[in-house]
PDB file of N, CA and C in Angstrom:
ATOM      1  N   MET A   1       0.852  -1.125   0.146  1.00  0.00           N
ATOM      2  CA  MET A   1      -0.145   0.011   0.110  1.00  0.00           C
ATOM      3  C   MET A   1       1.109   1.072   0.016  1.00  0.00           C
ATOM      4  N   SER A   2       0.574   1.976  -0.815  1.00  0.00           N
ATOM      5  CA  SER A   2       1.393   3.543  -0.913  1.00  0.00           C
ATOM      6  C   SER A   2       0.940   4.483  -0.308  1.00  0.00           C
ATOM      7  N   SER A   3       1.678   5.942   0.076  1.00  0.00           N
ATOM      8  CA  SER A   3       1.376   6.933   0.903  1.00  0.00           C
ATOM      9  C   SER A   3       0.537   7.816   0.205  1.00  0.00           C
ATOM     10  N   ASP A   4       0.251   7.507  -1.082  1.00  0.00           N
ATOM     11  CA  ASP A   4      -0.397   8.661  -1.741  1.00  0.00           C
ATOM     12  C   ASP A   4      -0.512   7.822  -3.132  1.00  0.00           C
ATOM     13  N   LEU A   5      -1.714   8.448  -3.999  1.00  0.00           N
ATOM     14  CA  LEU A   5      -2.073   7.748  -5.416  1.00  0.00           C
ATOM     15  C   LEU A   5      -0.620   7.797  -6.295  1.00  0.00           C
ATOM     16  N   GLU A   6      -0.191   8.896  -6.539  1.00  0.00           N
ATOM     17  CA  GLU A   6       0.642   8.794  -7.756  1.00  0.00           C
ATOM     18  C   GLU A   6       1.790   7.587  -7.081  1.00  0.00           C
ATOM     19  N   THR A   7       2.461   7.493  -5.917  1.00  0.00           N
ATOM     20  CA  THR A   7       3.026   6.465  -5.463  1.00  0.00           C
ATOM     21  C   THR A   7       2.510   5.374  -6.022  1.00  0.00           C
ATOM     22  N   ALA A   8       1.648   4.897  -5.592  1.00  0.00           N
ATOM     23  CA  ALA A   8       0.777   3.907  -6.095  1.00  0.00           C
ATOM     24  C   ALA A   8       0.816   3.493  -7.479  1.00  0.00           C
ATOM     25  N   GLN A   9       0.471   4.621  -8.148  1.00  0.00           N
ATOM     26  CA  GLN A   9       0.476   4.244  -9.726  1.00  0.00           C
ATOM     27  C   GLN A   9       1.959   3.881 -10.448  1.00  0.00           C
ATOM     28  N   ALA A  10       2.912   4.829  -9.528  1.00  0.00           N
ATOM     29  CA  ALA A  10       4.165   4.303  -9.799  1.00  0.00           C
ATOM     30  C   ALA A  10       4.998   2.757  -9.376  1.00  0.00           C
ATOM     31  N   GLU A  11       4.348   2.378  -8.375  1.00  0.00           N
ATOM     32  CA  GLU A  11       4.833   1.101  -8.101  1.00  0.00           C
ATOM     33  C   GLU A  11       3.851   0.102  -8.735  1.00  0.00           C
ATOM     34  N   TYR A  12       2.546   0.218  -9.309  1.00  0.00           N
ATOM     35  CA  TYR A  12       2.166  -0.573  -9.890  1.00  0.00           C
ATOM     36  C   TYR A  12       2.090  -0.543 -11.497  1.00  0.00           C
ATOM     37  N   GLN A  13       2.684   0.429 -12.178  1.00  0.00           N
ATOM     38  CA  GLN A  13       2.842   0.320 -13.381  1.00  0.00           C
ATOM     39  C   GLN A  13       4.449   0.692 -13.439  1.00  0.00           C
ATOM     40  N   GLN A  14       5.119  -0.194 -12.848  1.00  0.00           N
ATOM     41  CA  GLN A  14       6.535  -0.496 -12.939  1.00  0.00           C
ATOM     42  C   GLN A  14       7.256  -1.278 -14.101  1.00  0.00           C
ATOM     43  N   ASP A  15       6.404  -2.222 -14.405  1.00  0.00           N
ATOM     44  CA  ASP A  15       6.414  -3.083 -15.166  1.00  0.00           C
ATOM     45  C   ASP A  15       5.895  -3.197 -16.463  1.00  0.00           C
ATOM     46  N   PHE A  16       4.416  -2.668 -16.375  1.00  0.00           N
ATOM     47  CA  PHE A  16       3.302  -3.057 -17.566  1.00  0.00           C
ATOM     48  C   PHE A  16       2.396  -1.715 -17.158  1.00  0.00           C
ATOM     49  N   PRO A  17       3.008  -0.372 -17.994  1.00  0.00           N
ATOM     50  CA  PRO A  17       2.327   0.928 -17.446  1.00  0.00           C
ATOM     51  C   PRO A  17       1.048   1.070 -18.314  1.00  0.00           C
ATOM     52  N   ASP A  18       0.562   0.226 -18.955  1.00  0.00           N
ATOM     53  CA  ASP A  18      -0.509   0.295 -19.304  1.00  0.00           C
ATOM     54  C   ASP A  18      -1.769  -0.848 -19.220  1.00  0.00           C
ATOM     55  N   ARG A  19      -1.321  -1.332 -18.485  1.00  0.00           N
ATOM     56  CA  ARG A  19      -2.161  -2.212 -17.595  1.00  0.00           C
ATOM     57  C   ARG A  19      -3.525  -1.720 -16.850  1.00  0.00           C
ATOM     58  N   PRO A  20      -4.746  -2.450 -16.913  1.00  0.00           N
ATOM     59  CA  PRO A  20      -5.770  -1.842 -16.290  1.00  0.00           C
ATOM     60  C   PRO A  20      -5.647  -1.793 -14.967  1.00  0.00           C
ATOM     61  N   GLY A  21      -6.396  -1.519 -14.340  1.00  0.00           N
ATOM     62  CA  GLY A  21      -6.473  -1.692 -12.699  1.00  0.00           C
ATOM     63  C   GLY A  21      -7.420  -0.656 -12.131  1.00  0.00           C
ATOM     64  N   THR A  22      -7.671  -0.903 -10.820  1.00  0.00           N
ATOM     65  CA  THR A  22      -8.321  -0.533  -9.663  1.00  0.00           C
ATOM     66  C   THR A  22      -7.694  -0.125  -8.390  1.00  0.00           C
ATOM     67  N   PHE A  23      -7.681   1.406  -8.243  1.00  0.00           N
ATOM     68  CA  PHE A  23      -6.832   1.722  -6.843  1.00  0.00           C
ATOM     69  C   PHE A  23      -8.146   2.162  -5.720  1.00  0.00           C
ATOM     70  N   CYS A  24      -7.793   1.541  -4.840  1.00  0.00           N
ATOM     71  CA  CYS A  24      -8.612   1.938  -3.602  1.00  0.00           C
ATOM     72  C   CYS A  24      -7.992   2.450  -2.365  1.00  0.00           C
ATOM     73  N   ARG A  25      -8.622   2.902  -1.330  1.00  0.00           N
ATOM     74  CA  ARG A  25      -7.905   3.223   0.122  1.00  0.00           C
ATOM     75  C   ARG A  25      -7.870   2.392   0.733  1.00  0.00           C
ATOM     76  N   TYR A  26      -7.421   2.075   1.867  1.00  0.00           N
ATOM     77  CA  TYR A  26      -7.343   1.085   2.821  1.00  0.00           C
ATOM     78  C   TYR A  26      -7.743   1.617   4.331  1.00  0.00           C
ATOM     79  N   ASP A  27      -7.886   0.991   5.481  1.00  0.00           N
ATOM     80  CA  ASP A  27      -8.311   1.440   6.246  1.00  0.00           C
ATOM     81  C   ASP A  27      -7.306   0.370   7.385  1.00  0.00           C
ATOM     82  N   VAL A  28      -6.239   0.921   7.831  1.00  0.00           N
ATOM     83  CA  VAL A  28      -5.171  -0.200   8.368  1.00  0.00           C
ATOM     84  C   VAL A  28      -4.701   0.255   9.927  1.00  0.00           C
ATOM     85  N   SER A  29      -5.599  -0.912  10.837  1.00  0.00           N
ATOM     86  CA  SER A  29      -4.997  -0.585  12.380  1.00  0.00           C
ATOM     87  C   SER A  29      -4.151  -2.125  12.647  1.00  0.00           C
ATOM     88  N   LEU A  30      -2.944  -1.532  12.973  1.00  0.00           N
ATOM     89  CA  LEU A  30      -1.944  -2.595  12.643  1.00  0.00           C
ATOM     90  C   LEU A  30      -0.717  -2.486  13.907  1.00  0.00           C
ATOM     91  N   ASP A  31      -0.485  -3.372  14.787  1.00  0.00           N
ATOM     92  CA  ASP A  31       0.551  -3.003  15.348  1.00  0.00           C
ATOM     93  C   ASP A  31       2.006  -3.954  15.039  1.00  0.00           C
ATOM     94  N   GLY A  32       2.918  -3.407  15.191  1.00  0.00           N
ATOM     95  CA  GLY A  32       4.271  -4.307  14.962  1.00  0.00           C
ATOM     96  C   GLY A  32       4.404  -3.582  13.561  1.00  0.00           C
ATOM     97  N   VAL A  33       4.471  -2.504  13.331  1.00  0.00           N
ATOM     98  CA  VAL A  33       4.790  -2.071  12.054  1.00  0.00           C
ATOM     99  C   VAL A  33       6.496  -1.018  12.097  1.00  0.00           C
ATOM    100  N   ALA A  34       7.537  -1.925  11.451  1.00  0.00           N
ATOM    101  CA  ALA A  34       8.811  -1.189  11.621  1.00  0.00           C
ATOM    102  C   ALA A  34       9.124   0.341  10.437  1.00  0.00           C
ATOM    103  N   ASP A  35       9.425   1.223  10.801  1.00  0.00           N
ATOM    104  CA  ASP A  35       9.427   2.160   9.950  1.00  0.00           C
ATOM    105  C   ASP A  35      10.947   2.326   9.489  1.00  0.00           C
ATOM    106  N   LEU A  36      11.545   1.800   8.387  1.00  0.00           N
ATOM    107  CA  LEU A  36      12.404   0.988   7.679  1.00  0.00           C
ATOM    108  C   LEU A  36      13.014   2.411   6.967  1.00  0.00           C
ATOM    109  N   ARG A  37      12.392   3.634   7.063  1.00  0.00           N
ATOM    110  CA  ARG A  37      12.661   4.682   6.615  1.00  0.00           C
ATOM    111  C   ARG A  37      13.765   5.260   7.885  1.00  0.00           C
ATOM    112  N   ASP A  38      13.468   4.895   8.895  1.00  0.00           N
ATOM    113  CA  ASP A  38      14.239   5.777  10.139  1.00  0.00           C
ATOM    114  C   ASP A  38      15.497   4.963  10.419  1.00  0.00           C
ATOM    115  N   PRO A  39      16.793   5.865  10.366  1.00  0.00           N
ATOM    116  CA  PRO A  39      18.089   4.929  10.392  1.00  0.00           C
ATOM    117  C   PRO A  39      18.037   4.345  11.676  1.00  0.00           C
ATOM    118  N   VAL A  40      17.659   4.742  12.758  1.00  0.00           N
ATOM    119  CA  VAL A  40      17.655   4.529  14.053  1.00  0.00           C
ATOM    120  C   VAL A  40      17.032   3.142  14.397  1.00  0.00           C
ATOM    121  N   VAL A  41      15.726   2.823  13.541  1.00  0.00           N
ATOM    122  CA  VAL A  41      14.963   1.414  13.309  1.00  0.00           C
ATOM    123  C   VAL A  41      15.697   0.409  12.208  1.00  0.00           C
ATOM    124  N   CYS A  42      16.511   1.192  11.224  1.00  0.00           N
ATOM    125  CA  CYS A  42      17.157   0.109  10.652  1.00  0.00           C
ATOM    126  C   CYS A  42      18.519  -0.391  11.205  1.00  0.00           C
ATOM    127  N   ALA A  43      19.329   0.247  12.189  1.00  0.00           N
ATOM    128  CA  ALA A  43      20.472   0.232  13.088  1.00  0.00           C
ATOM    129  C   ALA A  43      19.724  -1.375  14.241  1.00  0.00           C
ATOM    130  N   LYS A  44      18.430  -0.949  14.505  1.00  0.00           N
ATOM    131  CA  LYS A  44      18.415  -2.093  15.663  1.00  0.00           C
ATOM    132  C   LYS A  44      17.895  -3.279  15.123  1.00  0.00           C
ATOM    133  N   PHE A  45      17.211  -3.152  13.509  1.00  0.00           N
ATOM    134  CA  PHE A  45      17.022  -4.790  12.984  1.00  0.00           C
ATOM    135  C   PHE A  45      18.586  -4.707  11.960  1.00  0.00           C
ATOM    136  N   ASN A  46      19.387  -3.962  11.783  1.00  0.00           N
ATOM    137  CA  ASN A  46      20.446  -4.852  11.469  1.00  0.00           C
ATOM    138  C   ASN A  46      20.145  -4.805  10.068  1.00  0.00           C
ATOM    139  N   PHE A  47      19.387  -3.522   9.443  1.00  0.00           N
ATOM    140  CA  PHE A  47      19.009  -3.490   7.988  1.00  0.00           C
ATOM    141  C   PHE A  47      19.496  -2.446   7.169  1.00  0.00           C
ATOM    142  N   ALA A  48      20.055  -2.578   5.921  1.00  0.00           N
ATOM    143  CA  ALA A  48      20.926  -1.910   5.170  1.00  0.00           C
ATOM    144  C   ALA A  48      19.878  -1.344   4.127  1.00  0.00           C
ATOM    145  N   PRO A  49      19.164  -0.006   4.485  1.00  0.00           N
ATOM    146  CA  PRO A  49      18.672   0.380   3.732  1.00  0.00           C
ATOM    147  C   PRO A  49      18.907   0.145   2.238  1.00  0.00           C
ATOM    148  N   ALA A  50      19.755   0.584   1.561  1.00  0.00           N
ATOM    149  CA  ALA A  50      20.362   0.327   0.053  1.00  0.00           C
ATOM    150  C   ALA A  50      19.717  -1.024  -0.066  1.00  0.00           C
ATOM    151  N   ILE A  51      19.645  -2.297   0.369  1.00  0.00           N
ATOM    152  CA  ILE A  51      19.047  -3.558  -0.212  1.00  0.00           C
ATOM    153  C   ILE A  51      17.831  -3.235  -0.682  1.00  0.00           C
ATOM    154  N   LEU A  52      16.897  -2.073  -0.332  1.00  0.00           N
ATOM    155  CA  LEU A  52      15.655  -1.893  -1.207  1.00  0.00           C
ATOM    156  C   LEU A  52      15.550  -1.653  -2.539  1.00  0.00           C
ATOM    157  N   ALA A  53      16.600  -1.422  -2.936  1.00  0.00           N
ATOM    158  CA  ALA A  53      17.082  -1.017  -3.959  1.00  0.00           C
ATOM    159  C   ALA A  53      17.499  -2.328  -5.449  1.00  0.00           C
ATOM    160  N   CYS A  54      17.635  -3.512  -4.546  1.00  0.00           N
ATOM    161  CA  CYS A  54      18.070  -4.931  -5.577  1.00  0.00           C
ATOM    162  C   CYS A  54      17.357  -4.864  -6.487  1.00  0.00           C
ATOM    163  N   ARG A  55      17.821  -5.461  -7.363  1.00  0.00           N
ATOM    164  CA  ARG A  55      16.676  -5.787  -8.787  1.00  0.00           C
ATOM    165  C   ARG A  55      16.392  -7.740  -8.588  1.00  0.00           C
ATOM    166  N   TRP A  56      15.249  -7.517  -7.194  1.00  0.00           N
ATOM    167  CA  TRP A  56      14.808  -8.327  -7.097  1.00  0.00           C
ATOM    168  C   TRP A  56      14.061  -9.609  -7.860  1.00  0.00           C
ATOM    169  N   LYS A  57      13.223  -8.757  -9.050  1.00  0.00           N
ATOM    170  CA  LYS A  57      12.599  -9.578  -9.741  1.00  0.00           C
ATOM    171  C   LYS A  57      13.740 -10.457 -10.269  1.00  0.00           C
ATOM    172  N   TYR A  58      14.801  -9.674 -11.289  1.00  0.00           N
ATOM    173  CA  TYR A  58      15.990 -10.117 -11.654  1.00  0.00           C
ATOM    174  C   TYR A  58      16.503 -11.207 -10.747  1.00  0.00           C
ATOM    175  N   ILE A  59      16.782 -11.211 -10.037  1.00  0.00           N
ATOM    176  CA  ILE A  59      17.335 -12.454  -9.117  1.00  0.00           C
ATOM    177  C   ILE A  59      16.998 -13.343  -8.610  1.00  0.00           C
ATOM    178  N   LEU A  60      15.544 -12.972  -8.488  1.00  0.00           N
ATOM    179  CA  LEU A  60      14.706 -14.606  -8.744  1.00  0.00           C
ATOM    180  C   LEU A  60      14.405 -15.164 -10.018  1.00  0.00           C
ATOM    181  N   LEU A  61      14.345 -14.698 -10.767  1.00  0.00           N
ATOM    182  CA  LEU A  61      13.646 -14.749 -11.929  1.00  0.00           C
ATOM    183  C   LEU A  61      14.978 -15.305 -12.845  1.00  0.00           C
ATOM    184  N   ILE A  62      15.954 -14.464 -12.921  1.00  0.00           N
ATOM    185  CA  ILE A  62      17.170 -14.809 -13.775  1.00  0.00           C
ATOM    186  C   ILE A  62      18.144 -15.683 -13.074  1.00  0.00           C
ATOM    187  N   GLU A  63      18.362 -15.164 -12.038  1.00  0.00           N
ATOM    188  CA  GLU A  63      19.555 -15.859 -11.322  1.00  0.00           C
ATOM    189  C   GLU A  63      18.957 -17.085 -10.644  1.00  0.00           C
ATOM    190  N   LYS A  64      17.620 -16.934 -10.427  1.00  0.00           N
ATOM    191  CA  LYS A  64      17.120 -18.134  -9.774  1.00  0.00           C
ATOM    192  C   LYS A  64      17.687 -17.987  -8.081  1.00  0.00           C
ATOM    193  N   GLN A  65      17.690 -17.455  -7.344  1.00  0.00           N
ATOM    194  CA  GLN A  65      18.064 -16.960  -6.081  1.00  0.00           C
ATOM    195  C   GLN A  65      17.062 -16.420  -5.461  1.00  0.00           C
ATOM    196  N   ASP A  66      17.584 -16.457  -4.099  1.00  0.00           N
ATOM    197  CA  ASP A  66      16.412 -15.821  -3.332  1.00  0.00           C
ATOM    198  C   ASP A  66      16.737 -14.334  -2.992  1.00  0.00           C
ATOM    199  N   PRO A  67      16.195 -13.496  -3.422  1.00  0.00           N
ATOM    200  CA  PRO A  67      16.167 -11.916  -3.391  1.00  0.00           C
ATOM    201  C   PRO A  67      16.905 -11.477  -2.295  1.00  0.00           C
ATOM    202  N   PRO A  68      17.913 -10.918  -1.551  1.00  0.00           N
ATOM    203  CA  PRO A  68      18.667 -10.416  -0.316  1.00  0.00           C
ATOM    204  C   PRO A  68      17.111 -10.014   0.744  1.00  0.00           C
ATOM    205  N   THR A  69      16.518  -9.718   0.500  1.00  0.00           N
ATOM    206  CA  THR A  69      15.155  -8.760   0.817  1.00  0.00           C
ATOM    207  C   THR A  69      14.587  -9.845   1.643  1.00  0.00           C
ATOM    208  N   TRP A  70      14.153 -11.150   1.113  1.00  0.00           N
ATOM    209  CA  TRP A  70      13.399 -12.014   1.735  1.00  0.00           C
ATOM    210  C   TRP A  70      13.927 -12.876   3.138  1.00  0.00           C
ATOM    211  N   SER A  71      15.621 -12.841   3.130  1.00  0.00           N
ATOM    212  CA  SER A  71      16.152 -12.904   4.726  1.00  0.00           C
ATOM    213  C   SER A  71      16.161 -11.594   5.488  1.00  0.00           C
ATOM    214  N   VAL A  72      15.932 -10.633   4.995  1.00  0.00           N
ATOM    215  CA  VAL A  72      15.655  -9.547   5.840  1.00  0.00           C
ATOM    216  C   VAL A  72      13.821  -9.629   6.496  1.00  0.00           C
ATOM    217  N   VAL A  73      13.071 -10.028   5.804  1.00  0.00           N
ATOM    218  CA  VAL A  73      11.620 -10.436   6.031  1.00  0.00           C
ATOM    219  C   VAL A  73      11.546 -11.089   6.931  1.00  0.00           C
ATOM    220  N   ASP A  74      12.283 -12.476   6.607  1.00  0.00           N
ATOM    221  CA  ASP A  74      12.231 -13.925   7.461  1.00  0.00           C
ATOM    222  C   ASP A  74      12.529 -13.346   8.815  1.00  0.00           C
ATOM    223  N   ARG A  75      14.070 -12.472   8.939  1.00  0.00           N
ATOM    224  CA  ARG A  75      14.205 -11.938  10.259  1.00  0.00           C
ATOM    225  C   ARG A  75      13.544 -11.034  11.146  1.00  0.00           C
ATOM    226  N   LEU A  76      12.658 -10.082  10.273  1.00  0.00           N
ATOM    227  CA  LEU A  76      11.862  -8.947  11.160  1.00  0.00           C
ATOM    228  C   LEU A  76      10.640  -9.786  11.378  1.00  0.00           C
ATOM    229  N   CYS A  77      10.001 -10.655  10.857  1.00  0.00           N
ATOM    230  CA  CYS A  77       8.757 -11.735  11.288  1.00  0.00           C
ATOM    231  C   CYS A  77       9.149 -12.127  12.607  1.00  0.00           C
ATOM    232  N   ARG A  78      10.195 -12.814  12.388  1.00  0.00           N
ATOM    233  CA  ARG A  78      10.759 -13.818  13.874  1.00  0.00           C
ATOM    234  C   ARG A  78      10.840 -12.701  14.927  1.00  0.00           C
ATOM    235  N   ALA A  79      11.031 -11.437  14.657  1.00  0.00           N
ATOM    236  CA  ALA A  79      11.530 -10.151  15.695  1.00  0.00           C
ATOM    237  C   ALA A  79       9.997  -9.814  16.421  1.00  0.00           C
ATOM    238  N   GLY A  80       8.583 -10.311  15.502  1.00  0.00           N
ATOM    239  CA  GLY A  80       7.594  -9.912  15.398  1.00  0.00           C
ATOM    240  C   GLY A  80       6.827  -8.576  14.875  1.00  0.00           C
ATOM    241  N   VAL A  81       7.544  -8.371  13.811  1.00  0.00           N
ATOM    242  CA  VAL A  81       7.072  -7.011  12.789  1.00  0.00           C
ATOM    243  C   VAL A  81       5.986  -7.818  12.151  1.00  0.00           C
ATOM    244  N   LYS A  82       5.084  -7.001  11.724  1.00  0.00           N
ATOM    245  CA  LYS A  82       3.461  -7.888  10.982  1.00  0.00           C
ATOM    246  C   LYS A  82       4.054  -6.773   9.587  1.00  0.00           C
ATOM    247  N   GLY A  83       4.521  -5.545   9.414  1.00  0.00           N
ATOM    248  CA  GLY A  83       4.776  -4.779   8.470  1.00  0.00           C
ATOM    249  C   GLY A  83       5.996  -3.918   8.373  1.00  0.00           C
ATOM    250  N   VAL A  84       6.469  -3.394   7.183  1.00  0.00           N
ATOM    251  CA  VAL A  84       7.263  -2.351   7.270  1.00  0.00           C
ATOM    252  C   VAL A  84       6.885  -0.915   6.249  1.00  0.00           C
ATOM    253  N   LEU A  85       7.137   0.326   6.838  1.00  0.00           N
ATOM    254  CA  LEU A  85       7.223   1.662   6.301  1.00  0.00           C
ATOM    255  C   LEU A  85       8.397   1.541   5.394  1.00  0.00           C
ATOM    256  N   VAL A  86       8.463   1.505   3.975  1.00  0.00           N
ATOM    257  CA  VAL A  86       9.607   1.665   3.342  1.00  0.00           C
ATOM    258  C   VAL A  86       9.612   2.639   2.256  1.00  0.00           C
ATOM    259  N   PRO A  87      10.649   3.538   1.810  1.00  0.00           N
ATOM    260  CA  PRO A  87      10.861   4.416   0.926  1.00  0.00           C
ATOM    261  C   PRO A  87      10.374   3.710  -0.542  1.00  0.00           C
ATOM    262  N   SER A  88       9.302   4.603  -1.238  1.00  0.00           N
ATOM    263  CA  SER A  88       9.257   4.133  -2.699  1.00  0.00           C
ATOM    264  C   SER A  88      10.711   4.019  -3.227  1.00  0.00           C
ATOM    265  N   GLN A  89      10.715   3.078  -4.326  1.00  0.00           N
ATOM    266  CA  GLN A  89      12.074   3.376  -5.351  1.00  0.00           C
ATOM    267  C   GLN A  89      11.627   3.872  -6.574  1.00  0.00           C
ATOM    268  N   ARG A  90       9.919   3.883  -6.695  1.00  0.00           N
ATOM    269  CA  ARG A  90       9.746   4.480  -7.868  1.00  0.00           C
ATOM    270  C   ARG A  90       9.221   6.120  -8.011  1.00  0.00           C
ATOM    271  N   HIS A  91       9.080   6.407  -6.695  1.00  0.00           N
ATOM    272  CA  HIS A  91       8.615   7.741  -6.407  1.00  0.00           C
ATOM    273  C   HIS A  91       8.751   8.444  -5.503  1.00  0.00           C
ATOM    274  N   HIS A  92       8.436   9.957  -5.198  1.00  0.00           N
ATOM    275  CA  HIS A  92       8.653  10.166  -3.681  1.00  0.00           C
ATOM    276  C   HIS A  92       7.933   9.787  -2.509  1.00  0.00           C
ATOM    277  N   GLY A  93       6.980   9.065  -2.583  1.00  0.00           N
ATOM    278  CA  GLY A  93       6.620   8.584  -1.564  1.00  0.00           C
ATOM    279  C   GLY A  93       6.990   7.269  -0.590  1.00  0.00           C
ATOM    280  N   TYR A  94       5.980   6.635  -0.143  1.00  0.00           N
ATOM    281  CA  TYR A  94       6.871   5.706   0.696  1.00  0.00           C
ATOM    282  C   TYR A  94       5.250   4.458   0.598  1.00  0.00           C
ATOM    283  N   ASN A  95       5.638   3.427   1.232  1.00  0.00           N
ATOM    284  CA  ASN A  95       5.087   2.029   1.017  1.00  0.00           C
ATOM    285  C   ASN A  95       4.960   1.373   2.492  1.00  0.00           C
ATOM    286  N   LEU A  96       3.433   0.880   2.429  1.00  0.00           N
ATOM    287  CA  LEU A  96       3.239   0.086   3.984  1.00  0.00           C
ATOM    288  C   LEU A  96       3.353  -1.426   3.228  1.00  0.00           C
ATOM    289  N   VAL A  97       4.057  -1.983   3.643  1.00  0.00           N
ATOM    290  CA  VAL A  97       4.376  -3.632   2.968  1.00  0.00           C
ATOM    291  C   VAL A  97       3.603  -4.645   4.511  1.00  0.00           C
ATOM    292  N   VAL A  98       2.828  -5.155   4.525  1.00  0.00           N
ATOM    293  CA  VAL A  98       2.190  -5.831   5.423  1.00  0.00           C
ATOM    294  C   VAL A  98       2.233  -7.443   5.070  1.00  0.00           C
ATOM    295  N   TYR A  99       2.766  -7.875   6.161  1.00  0.00           N
ATOM    296  CA  TYR A  99       3.381  -9.586   6.102  1.00  0.00           C
ATOM    297  C   TYR A  99       2.190 -10.386   7.065  1.00  0.00           C
ATOM    298  N   GLU A 100       1.569  -9.798   7.535  1.00  0.00           N
ATOM    299  CA  GLU A 100       0.502 -10.813   8.419  1.00  0.00           C
ATOM    300  C   GLU A 100      -0.828  -9.950   8.626  1.00  0.00           C
ATOM    301  N   TRP A 101      -1.972  -9.999   8.179  1.00  0.00           N
ATOM    302  CA  TRP A 101      -3.122  -9.139   8.241  1.00  0.00           C
ATOM    303  C   TRP A 101      -4.087 -10.006   8.406  1.00  0.00           C
ATOM    304  N   ASP A 102      -5.520  -9.667   8.710  1.00  0.00           N
ATOM    305  CA  ASP A 102      -6.788 -10.357   8.445  1.00  0.00           C
ATOM    306  C   ASP A 102      -7.624  -8.871   8.324  1.00  0.00           C
ATOM    307  N   GLU A 103      -8.819  -9.462   8.122  1.00  0.00           N
ATOM    308  CA  GLU A 103      -9.950  -8.308   7.536  1.00  0.00           C
ATOM    309  C   GLU A 103     -10.161  -7.440   8.570  1.00  0.00           C
ATOM    310  N   THR A 104     -10.056  -7.598   9.867  1.00  0.00           N
ATOM    311  CA  THR A 104      -9.724  -6.641  10.985  1.00  0.00           C
ATOM    312  C   THR A 104      -8.809  -5.539  11.029  1.00  0.00           C
ATOM    313  N   THR A 105      -7.705  -5.820  10.571  1.00  0.00           N
ATOM    314  CA  THR A 105      -6.489  -5.076  10.377  1.00  0.00           C
ATOM    315  C   THR A 105      -6.292  -4.235   9.219  1.00  0.00           C
ATOM    316  N   VAL A 106      -6.449  -4.872   7.950  1.00  0.00           N
ATOM    317  CA  VAL A 106      -6.405  -4.885   6.890  1.00  0.00           C
ATOM    318  C   VAL A 106      -7.595  -4.334   5.804  1.00  0.00           C
ATOM    319  N   LYS A 107      -8.680  -3.344   5.528  1.00  0.00           N
ATOM    320  CA  LYS A 107      -9.707  -3.608   4.949  1.00  0.00           C
ATOM    321  C   LYS A 107     -10.118  -2.404   3.916  1.00  0.00           C
ATOM    322  N   PRO A 108     -10.503  -2.734   2.691  1.00  0.00           N
ATOM    323  CA  PRO A 108     -10.911  -1.419   1.630  1.00  0.00           C
ATOM    324  C   PRO A 108     -11.581  -0.402   2.068  1.00  0.00           C
ATOM    325  N   HIS A 109     -10.881   0.734   2.234  1.00  0.00           N
ATOM    326  CA  HIS A 109     -12.205   1.937   2.625  1.00  0.00           C
ATOM    327  C   HIS A 109     -13.451   2.159   1.377  1.00  0.00           C
ATOM    328  N   ASP A 110     -14.534   1.482   1.541  1.00  0.00           N
ATOM    329  CA  ASP A 110     -15.396   1.298   0.690  1.00  0.00           C
ATOM    330  C   ASP A 110     -16.559   1.973   1.398  1.00  0.00           C
ATOM    331  N   PRO A 111     -16.770   3.213   1.501  1.00  0.00           N
ATOM    332  CA  PRO A 111     -17.923   3.809   2.637  1.00  0.00           C
ATOM    333  C   PRO A 111     -19.403   3.807   1.589  1.00  0.00           C
ATOM    334  N   ASN A 112     -19.045   2.979  -0.033  1.00  0.00           N
ATOM    335  CA  ASN A 112     -20.636   3.333  -0.995  1.00  0.00           C
ATOM    336  C   ASN A 112     -20.624   1.580  -1.342  1.00  0.00           C
ATOM    337  N   ASN A 113     -19.647   1.024  -1.136  1.00  0.00           N
ATOM    338  CA  ASN A 113     -19.495  -0.312  -1.411  1.00  0.00           C
ATOM    339  C   ASN A 113     -19.649  -0.136  -2.813  1.00  0.00           C
ATOM    340  N   ASP A 114     -18.608   0.225  -3.737  1.00  0.00           N
ATOM    341  CA  ASP A 114     -18.422   0.672  -4.984  1.00  0.00           C
ATOM    342  C   ASP A 114     -17.716  -0.723  -5.248  1.00  0.00           C
ATOM    343  N   LEU A 115     -16.788  -1.262  -4.480  1.00  0.00           N
ATOM    344  CA  LEU A 115     -15.963  -2.329  -4.820  1.00  0.00           C
ATOM    345  C   LEU A 115     -16.923  -4.000  -4.644  1.00  0.00           C
ATOM    346  N   PRO A 116     -16.176  -4.456  -5.678  1.00  0.00           N
ATOM    347  CA  PRO A 116     -16.697  -5.986  -5.731  1.00  0.00           C
ATOM    348  C   PRO A 116     -16.586  -6.657  -4.380  1.00  0.00           C
ATOM    349  N   MET A 117     -17.267  -7.453  -4.056  1.00  0.00           N
ATOM    350  CA  MET A 117     -16.827  -8.501  -2.861  1.00  0.00           C
ATOM    351  C   MET A 117     -16.789 -10.004  -3.532  1.00  0.00           C
ATOM    352  N   GLU A 118     -16.251 -10.759  -2.746  1.00  0.00           N
ATOM    353  CA  GLU A 118     -16.097 -11.996  -2.820  1.00  0.00           C
ATOM    354  C   GLU A 118     -17.128 -12.601  -2.166  1.00  0.00           C
ATOM    355  N   SER A 119     -17.613 -13.606  -3.240  1.00  0.00           N
ATOM    356  CA  SER A 119     -18.818 -14.232  -2.348  1.00  0.00           C
ATOM    357  C   SER A 119     -18.124 -15.375  -1.119  1.00  0.00           C
ATOM    358  N   THR A 120     -19.039 -15.584  -0.066  1.00  0.00           N
ATOM    359  CA  THR A 120     -18.407 -16.788   0.410  1.00  0.00           C
ATOM    360  C   THR A 120     -19.154 -18.241   0.527  1.00  0.00           C
TER     361      THR A 120
END
């Protein structure tokens, strides 16, 4: 999830700029979020912010290796982190990446019920 619409669009269109999609706001109520934009937090988790700029798709799909960010996620999850705030690599904003949630912690903000809902 992105901090603003422009950042969300930049993240969404990074590989396929003309693909259709729907953007929506989310209501998030989540404990255990680490702000990896803060150098103090990065130091606490022994995290080098430069790792966020790795070419993870190339590493995964071409080199057939796990991107270095995956080991960071594993380490953060073991420490009880459920999500992270990270600077966008594509725009001036930032993103919230959530690793663990349910319908009570992250839900679409849809006061007019415009979004289609899955049937149960």
